[in-house]
Amino acid sequence: MAKVVTLKKSLIGSKKDQIATAHALGLRKIGDKSVQPDNPQTQGKIKKIAHLIDVTEG
């Protein structure tokens, strides 16, 4: 099952590695959505920036 990841908070003021993680997920601006596979790599990225994003099953 895929996950739909939405950027809810601004990346301004975030650490460089968190910004890079958001960009790796395809999220650049508030409101951007991206469909990601549900695998360990994606779960790790989601956990790293969980405070900035909203995740739903899709």
PDB file of N, CA and C in Angstrom:
ATOM      1  N   MET A   1       0.845  -1.180   0.000  1.00  0.00           N
ATOM      2  CA  MET A   1       0.000   0.000   0.000  1.00  0.00           C
ATOM      3  C   MET A   1       0.885   1.237   0.000  1.00  0.00           C
ATOM      4  N   ALA A   2       0.500   2.222  -0.761  1.00  0.00           N
ATOM      5  CA  ALA A   2       1.284   3.452  -0.863  1.00  0.00           C
ATOM      6  C   ALA A   2       0.859   4.449   0.214  1.00  0.00           C
ATOM      7  N   LYS A   3       1.716   5.386   0.473  1.00  0.00           N
ATOM      8  CA  LYS A   3       1.428   6.449   1.438  1.00  0.00           C
ATOM      9  C   LYS A   3       1.427   7.785   0.710  1.00  0.00           C
ATOM     10  N   VAL A   4       0.459   8.635   1.051  1.00  0.00           N
ATOM     11  CA  VAL A   4       0.403   9.987   0.505  1.00  0.00           C
ATOM     12  C   VAL A   4       0.976  10.911   1.573  1.00  0.00           C
ATOM     13  N   VAL A   5       2.044  11.609   1.225  1.00  0.00           N
ATOM     14  CA  VAL A   5       2.751  12.481   2.157  1.00  0.00           C
ATOM     15  C   VAL A   5       2.487  13.927   1.746  1.00  0.00           C
ATOM     16  N   THR A   6       2.041  14.757   2.701  1.00  0.00           N
ATOM     17  CA  THR A   6       1.740  16.165   2.440  1.00  0.00           C
ATOM     18  C   THR A   6       2.573  17.037   3.373  1.00  0.00           C
ATOM     19  N   LEU A   7       3.224  18.055   2.818  1.00  0.00           N
ATOM     20  CA  LEU A   7       4.009  18.990   3.627  1.00  0.00           C
ATOM     21  C   LEU A   7       3.054  19.991   4.269  1.00  0.00           C
ATOM     22  N   LYS A   8       3.025  20.037   5.602  1.00  0.00           N
ATOM     23  CA  LYS A   8       2.101  20.893   6.340  1.00  0.00           C
ATOM     24  C   LYS A   8       2.773  22.126   6.945  1.00  0.00           C
ATOM     25  N   LYS A   9       4.056  22.047   7.212  1.00  0.00           N
ATOM     26  CA  LYS A   9       4.774  23.168   7.826  1.00  0.00           C
ATOM     27  C   LYS A   9       5.928  23.583   6.939  1.00  0.00           C
ATOM     28  N   SER A  10       6.349  24.820   7.088  1.00  0.00           N
ATOM     29  CA  SER A  10       7.437  25.364   6.293  1.00  0.00           C
ATOM     30  C   SER A  10       8.765  24.703   6.645  1.00  0.00           C
ATOM     31  N   LEU A  11       9.635  24.632   5.646  1.00  0.00           N
ATOM     32  CA  LEU A  11      10.971  24.082   5.858  1.00  0.00           C
ATOM     33  C   LEU A  11      11.945  25.144   6.378  1.00  0.00           C
ATOM     34  N   ILE A  12      11.510  26.397   6.421  1.00  0.00           N
ATOM     35  CA  ILE A  12      12.372  27.474   6.913  1.00  0.00           C
ATOM     36  C   ILE A  12      12.700  27.214   8.383  1.00  0.00           C
ATOM     37  N   GLY A  13      13.962  27.262   8.713  1.00  0.00           N
ATOM     38  CA  GLY A  13      14.405  27.042  10.083  1.00  0.00           C
ATOM     39  C   GLY A  13      14.689  25.589  10.407  1.00  0.00           C
ATOM     40  N   SER A  14      14.392  24.689   9.478  1.00  0.00           N
ATOM     41  CA  SER A  14      14.677  23.271   9.695  1.00  0.00           C
ATOM     42  C   SER A  14      16.156  22.994   9.440  1.00  0.00           C
ATOM     43  N   LYS A  15      16.626  21.880   9.975  1.00  0.00           N
ATOM     44  CA  LYS A  15      18.012  21.484   9.760  1.00  0.00           C
ATOM     45  C   LYS A  15      18.204  21.079   8.302  1.00  0.00           C
ATOM     46  N   LYS A  16      19.437  21.175   7.843  1.00  0.00           N
ATOM     47  CA  LYS A  16      19.738  20.868   6.441  1.00  0.00           C
ATOM     48  C   LYS A  16      19.367  19.440   6.064  1.00  0.00           C
ATOM     49  N   ASP A  17      19.596  18.497   6.975  1.00  0.00           N
ATOM     50  CA  ASP A  17      19.264  17.110   6.658  1.00  0.00           C
ATOM     51  C   ASP A  17      17.749  16.895   6.573  1.00  0.00           C
ATOM     52  N   GLN A  18      16.980  17.646   7.350  1.00  0.00           N
ATOM     53  CA  GLN A  18      15.521  17.541   7.267  1.00  0.00           C
ATOM     54  C   GLN A  18      15.004  18.136   5.956  1.00  0.00           C
ATOM     55  N   ILE A  19      15.591  19.237   5.523  1.00  0.00           N
ATOM     56  CA  ILE A  19      15.219  19.841   4.249  1.00  0.00           C
ATOM     57  C   ILE A  19      15.552  18.890   3.107  1.00  0.00           C
ATOM     58  N   ALA A  20      16.715  18.271   3.173  1.00  0.00           N
ATOM     59  CA  ALA A  20      17.119  17.311   2.138  1.00  0.00           C
ATOM     60  C   ALA A  20      16.181  16.112   2.111  1.00  0.00           C
ATOM     61  N   THR A  21      15.734  15.668   3.270  1.00  0.00           N
ATOM     62  CA  THR A  21      14.796  14.545   3.340  1.00  0.00           C
ATOM     63  C   THR A  21      13.466  14.914   2.712  1.00  0.00           C
ATOM     64  N   ALA A  22      12.967  16.121   2.997  1.00  0.00           N
ATOM     65  CA  ALA A  22      11.707  16.578   2.398  1.00  0.00           C
ATOM     66  C   ALA A  22      11.839  16.646   0.881  1.00  0.00           C
ATOM     67  N   HIS A  23      12.959  17.168   0.398  1.00  0.00           N
ATOM     68  CA  HIS A  23      13.177  17.255  -1.047  1.00  0.00           C
ATOM     69  C   HIS A  23      13.273  15.864  -1.667  1.00  0.00           C
ATOM     70  N   ALA A  24      13.864  14.907  -0.941  1.00  0.00           N
ATOM     71  CA  ALA A  24      13.958  13.536  -1.447  1.00  0.00           C
ATOM     72  C   ALA A  24      12.577  12.900  -1.576  1.00  0.00           C
ATOM     73  N   LEU A  25      11.640  13.349  -0.741  1.00  0.00           N
ATOM     74  CA  LEU A  25      10.267  12.854  -0.833  1.00  0.00           C
ATOM     75  C   LEU A  25       9.458  13.627  -1.872  1.00  0.00           C
ATOM     76  N   GLY A  26      10.063  14.636  -2.488  1.00  0.00           N
ATOM     77  CA  GLY A  26       9.368  15.420  -3.503  1.00  0.00           C
ATOM     78  C   GLY A  26       8.551  16.558  -2.937  1.00  0.00           C
ATOM     79  N   LEU A  27       8.870  16.994  -1.721  1.00  0.00           N
ATOM     80  CA  LEU A  27       8.126  18.064  -1.058  1.00  0.00           C
ATOM     81  C   LEU A  27       8.988  19.321  -0.999  1.00  0.00           C
ATOM     82  N   ARG A  28       8.498  20.397  -1.587  1.00  0.00           N
ATOM     83  CA  ARG A  28       9.263  21.643  -1.609  1.00  0.00           C
ATOM     84  C   ARG A  28       8.497  22.812  -1.005  1.00  0.00           C
ATOM     85  N   LYS A  29       7.192  22.887  -1.255  1.00  0.00           N
ATOM     86  CA  LYS A  29       6.370  23.982  -0.739  1.00  0.00           C
ATOM     87  C   LYS A  29       5.247  23.418   0.128  1.00  0.00           C
ATOM     88  N   ILE A  30       4.710  24.254   1.013  1.00  0.00           N
ATOM     89  CA  ILE A  30       3.587  23.840   1.848  1.00  0.00           C
ATOM     90  C   ILE A  30       2.431  23.432   0.946  1.00  0.00           C
ATOM     91  N   GLY A  31       1.840  22.290   1.248  1.00  0.00           N
ATOM     92  CA  GLY A  31       0.723  21.790   0.459  1.00  0.00           C
ATOM     93  C   GLY A  31       1.116  20.794  -0.607  1.00  0.00           C
ATOM     94  N   ASP A  32       2.408  20.665  -0.890  1.00  0.00           N
ATOM     95  CA  ASP A  32       2.869  19.680  -1.875  1.00  0.00           C
ATOM     96  C   ASP A  32       2.536  18.273  -1.380  1.00  0.00           C
ATOM     97  N   LYS A  33       2.074  17.438  -2.314  1.00  0.00           N
ATOM     98  CA  LYS A  33       1.754  16.050  -1.991  1.00  0.00           C
ATOM     99  C   LYS A  33       2.609  15.125  -2.831  1.00  0.00           C
ATOM    100  N   SER A  34       2.910  13.968  -2.271  1.00  0.00           N
ATOM    101  CA  SER A  34       3.721  12.983  -2.960  1.00  0.00           C
ATOM    102  C   SER A  34       3.245  11.593  -2.558  1.00  0.00           C
ATOM    103  N   VAL A  35       3.172  10.701  -3.527  1.00  0.00           N
ATOM    104  CA  VAL A  35       2.809   9.306  -3.248  1.00  0.00           C
ATOM    105  C   VAL A  35       4.098   8.510  -3.175  1.00  0.00           C
ATOM    106  N   GLN A  36       4.295   7.821  -2.046  1.00  0.00           N
ATOM    107  CA  GLN A  36       5.524   7.079  -1.802  1.00  0.00           C
ATOM    108  C   GLN A  36       5.194   5.621  -1.503  1.00  0.00           C
ATOM    109  N   PRO A  37       6.078   4.692  -1.882  1.00  0.00           N
ATOM    110  CA  PRO A  37       5.859   3.288  -1.537  1.00  0.00           C
ATOM    111  C   PRO A  37       6.040   3.076  -0.033  1.00  0.00           C
ATOM    112  N   ASP A  38       5.373   2.077   0.490  1.00  0.00           N
ATOM    113  CA  ASP A  38       5.483   1.773   1.917  1.00  0.00           C
ATOM    114  C   ASP A  38       6.593   0.746   2.109  1.00  0.00           C
ATOM    115  N   ASN A  39       7.813   1.251   2.291  1.00  0.00           N
ATOM    116  CA  ASN A  39       8.961   0.375   2.518  1.00  0.00           C
ATOM    117  C   ASN A  39       9.812   0.963   3.648  1.00  0.00           C
ATOM    118  N   PRO A  40      10.790   0.232   4.141  1.00  0.00           N
ATOM    119  CA  PRO A  40      11.591   0.729   5.275  1.00  0.00           C
ATOM    120  C   PRO A  40      12.295   2.067   5.003  1.00  0.00           C
ATOM    121  N   GLN A  41      12.756   2.279   3.770  1.00  0.00           N
ATOM    122  CA  GLN A  41      13.439   3.530   3.449  1.00  0.00           C
ATOM    123  C   GLN A  41      12.492   4.725   3.585  1.00  0.00           C
ATOM    124  N   THR A  42      11.296   4.589   3.047  1.00  0.00           N
ATOM    125  CA  THR A  42      10.316   5.669   3.124  1.00  0.00           C
ATOM    126  C   THR A  42       9.862   5.883   4.562  1.00  0.00           C
ATOM    127  N   GLN A  43       9.680   4.816   5.309  1.00  0.00           N
ATOM    128  CA  GLN A  43       9.268   4.942   6.702  1.00  0.00           C
ATOM    129  C   GLN A  43      10.304   5.708   7.519  1.00  0.00           C
ATOM    130  N   GLY A  44      11.588   5.495   7.236  1.00  0.00           N
ATOM    131  CA  GLY A  44      12.651   6.225   7.925  1.00  0.00           C
ATOM    132  C   GLY A  44      12.623   7.703   7.592  1.00  0.00           C
ATOM    133  N   LYS A  45      12.391   8.031   6.325  1.00  0.00           N
ATOM    134  CA  LYS A  45      12.300   9.430   5.915  1.00  0.00           C
ATOM    135  C   LYS A  45      11.107  10.104   6.577  1.00  0.00           C
ATOM    136  N   ILE A  46       9.985   9.411   6.615  1.00  0.00           N
ATOM    137  CA  ILE A  46       8.777   9.959   7.228  1.00  0.00           C
ATOM    138  C   ILE A  46       9.002  10.202   8.719  1.00  0.00           C
ATOM    139  N   LYS A  47       9.661   9.274   9.383  1.00  0.00           N
ATOM    140  CA  LYS A  47       9.926   9.417  10.819  1.00  0.00           C
ATOM    141  C   LYS A  47      10.826  10.622  11.096  1.00  0.00           C
ATOM    142  N   LYS A  48      11.774  10.873  10.201  1.00  0.00           N
ATOM    143  CA  LYS A  48      12.739  11.964  10.390  1.00  0.00           C
ATOM    144  C   LYS A  48      12.076  13.341  10.345  1.00  0.00           C
ATOM    145  N   ILE A  49      11.031  13.499   9.495  1.00  0.00           N
ATOM    146  CA  ILE A  49      10.377  14.808   9.372  1.00  0.00           C
ATOM    147  C   ILE A  49       8.889  14.719   9.719  1.00  0.00           C
ATOM    148  N   ALA A  50       8.544  13.833  10.647  1.00  0.00           N
ATOM    149  CA  ALA A  50       7.141  13.607  11.020  1.00  0.00           C
ATOM    150  C   ALA A  50       6.456  14.873  11.531  1.00  0.00           C
ATOM    151  N   HIS A  51       7.209  15.783  12.149  1.00  0.00           N
ATOM    152  CA  HIS A  51       6.632  17.007  12.700  1.00  0.00           C
ATOM    153  C   HIS A  51       6.293  18.028  11.611  1.00  0.00           C
ATOM    154  N   LEU A  52       6.739  17.804  10.382  1.00  0.00           N
ATOM    155  CA  LEU A  52       6.499  18.744   9.279  1.00  0.00           C
ATOM    156  C   LEU A  52       5.451  18.251   8.285  1.00  0.00           C
ATOM    157  N   ILE A  53       5.094  16.978   8.365  1.00  0.00           N
ATOM    158  CA  ILE A  53       4.259  16.382   7.323  1.00  0.00           C
ATOM    159  C   ILE A  53       3.008  15.720   7.893  1.00  0.00           C
ATOM    160  N   ASP A  54       2.090  15.395   6.973  1.00  0.00           N
ATOM    161  CA  ASP A  54       0.902  14.621   7.285  1.00  0.00           C
ATOM    162  C   ASP A  54       0.913  13.413   6.363  1.00  0.00           C
ATOM    163  N   VAL A  55       0.699  12.219   6.912  1.00  0.00           N
ATOM    164  CA  VAL A  55       0.762  10.981   6.131  1.00  0.00           C
ATOM    165  C   VAL A  55      -0.580  10.286   6.164  1.00  0.00           C
ATOM    166  N   THR A  56      -1.073   9.886   4.973  1.00  0.00           N
ATOM    167  CA  THR A  56      -2.306   9.117   4.886  1.00  0.00           C
ATOM    168  C   THR A  56      -2.070   7.914   3.971  1.00  0.00           C
ATOM    169  N   GLU A  57      -2.873   6.888   4.180  1.00  0.00           N
ATOM    170  CA  GLU A  57      -2.807   5.724   3.301  1.00  0.00           C
ATOM    171  C   GLU A  57      -3.475   6.079   1.984  1.00  0.00           C
ATOM    172  N   GLY A  58      -2.884   5.648   0.894  1.00  0.00           N
ATOM    173  CA  GLY A  58      -3.482   6.016  -0.384  1.00  0.00           C
ATOM    174  C   GLY A  58      -3.417   4.983  -1.374  1.00  0.00           C
TER     175      GLY A  58
END
